[in-house]
Amino acid sequence: MRARQRHNRLMRVADHLVREAAMISSEVASRVTAAQVACLAFARHQLRITEEEAADYLAAALVARGHSTDHQLAAVTDGYLAAAPVARGRSADQRSATAG
């Protein structure tokens, strides 16, 4: 499978989980787990991915939908990324502390 096709499938999986959870509430969307992403990727596309990779796709889907995350990307084998932050928004704890 080509890298782009694999990436698109995994992004769709993560986005689906975040979108479905967000229909309940934005707080529920932030509770989607990397394990859920990995399980759905296998169920839909027979793709086995690590929990670290699933966490990267989950963080990307959360940020794409406007949620903040403190997630840091797993190190990439070619050395270009080493724990680079995905998003620099305020965390839910920081927002609630300033709201009150």
Protein backbone atom coordinates (compact mmCIF):
# COMPACT_ATOMS: atom_id res chain seq x y z
CA MET A 1 0.00 0.00 0.00
CA ARG A 2 1.31 3.42 -0.86
CA ALA A 3 2.23 5.76 1.98
CA ARG A 4 -0.29 8.42 0.98
CA GLN A 5 -3.14 5.91 0.82
CA ARG A 6 -2.19 4.48 4.21
CA HIS A 7 -1.95 7.96 5.71
CA ASN A 8 -5.36 8.96 4.34
CA ARG A 9 -6.98 5.81 5.70
CA LEU A 10 -5.50 6.30 9.15
CA MET A 11 -6.51 9.97 9.21
CA ARG A 12 -10.07 9.01 8.26
CA VAL A 13 -10.15 6.47 11.10
CA ALA A 14 -8.96 8.99 13.69
CA ASP A 15 -11.20 11.73 12.33
CA HIS A 16 -14.22 9.43 12.43
CA LEU A 17 -13.67 8.63 16.10
CA VAL A 18 -13.14 12.28 17.05
CA ARG A 19 -16.15 13.44 15.00
CA GLU A 20 -18.45 10.81 16.52
CA ALA A 21 -17.27 11.62 20.05
CA ALA A 22 -17.62 15.36 19.44
CA MET A 23 -21.28 14.86 18.58
CA ILE A 24 -21.77 14.01 22.25
CA SER A 25 -19.57 16.85 23.54
CA SER A 26 -16.16 18.36 22.96
CA GLU A 27 -15.06 16.96 26.32
CA VAL A 28 -15.87 13.43 25.12
CA ALA A 29 -13.86 14.01 21.93
CA SER A 30 -10.74 14.51 24.02
CA ARG A 31 -11.29 11.11 25.65
CA VAL A 32 -10.82 9.12 22.43
CA THR A 33 -7.80 6.87 22.94
CA ALA A 34 -4.95 5.76 20.73
CA ALA A 35 -6.03 2.17 21.38
CA GLN A 36 -9.43 2.94 19.84
CA VAL A 37 -7.71 4.36 16.75
CA ALA A 38 -5.51 1.28 16.43
CA CYS A 39 -8.46 -1.09 16.84
CA LEU A 40 -10.64 0.70 14.28
CA ALA A 41 -7.73 0.89 11.82
CA PHE A 42 -7.44 -2.87 12.01
CA ALA A 43 -11.20 -3.44 11.85
CA ARG A 44 -11.76 -1.22 8.82
CA HIS A 45 -8.53 -1.53 6.87
CA GLN A 46 -6.64 -4.51 8.34
CA LEU A 47 -3.82 -2.13 9.28
CA ARG A 48 -1.78 -2.97 12.35
CA ILE A 49 -0.27 0.17 13.84
CA THR A 50 1.59 0.89 17.05
CA GLU A 51 -0.04 2.82 19.83
CA GLU A 52 2.48 5.62 19.29
CA GLU A 53 1.48 5.95 15.64
CA ALA A 54 -2.19 5.83 16.60
CA ALA A 55 -1.56 8.62 19.11
CA ASP A 56 -0.01 10.75 16.36
CA TYR A 57 -3.05 10.31 14.10
CA LEU A 58 -5.42 10.96 17.00
CA ALA A 59 -3.61 14.18 17.90
CA ALA A 60 -3.72 15.31 14.27
CA ALA A 61 -7.47 14.66 14.08
CA LEU A 62 -8.10 16.51 17.35
CA VAL A 63 -6.11 19.55 16.23
CA ALA A 64 -7.78 19.52 12.79
CA ARG A 65 -11.14 19.77 14.55
CA GLY A 66 -10.06 22.65 16.79
CA HIS A 67 -9.24 20.78 19.98
CA SER A 68 -5.98 21.44 21.77
CA THR A 69 -3.58 18.69 22.67
CA ASP A 70 -0.36 18.37 24.60
CA HIS A 71 0.62 15.39 22.46
CA GLN A 72 4.13 15.25 21.05
CA LEU A 73 4.88 13.29 17.90
CA ALA A 74 6.79 10.06 18.30
CA ALA A 75 10.33 10.25 16.95
CA VAL A 76 10.50 9.52 13.25
CA THR A 77 13.11 7.00 12.14
CA ASP A 78 14.79 9.34 9.65
CA GLY A 79 15.57 11.80 12.44
CA TYR A 80 13.64 14.79 11.09
CA LEU A 81 11.20 14.84 13.98
CA ALA A 82 12.07 14.19 17.57
CA ALA A 83 9.20 14.94 19.93
CA ALA A 84 7.99 18.01 18.03
CA PRO A 85 4.78 19.47 19.53
CA VAL A 86 1.65 19.07 17.43
CA ALA A 87 -0.25 22.06 18.77
CA ARG A 88 0.42 24.99 21.02
CA GLY A 89 -3.07 25.74 22.25
CA ARG A 90 -3.95 26.10 25.87
CA SER A 91 -4.87 22.83 27.52
CA ALA A 92 -8.35 22.28 28.95
CA ASP A 93 -6.89 22.76 32.45
CA GLN A 94 -5.39 26.13 31.47
CA ARG A 95 -8.67 27.30 29.88
CA SER A 96 -10.76 26.32 32.90
CA ALA A 97 -8.30 28.01 35.29
CA THR A 98 -8.63 31.34 33.46
CA ALA A 99 -12.39 31.04 32.93
CA GLY A 100 -13.27 31.15 36.63
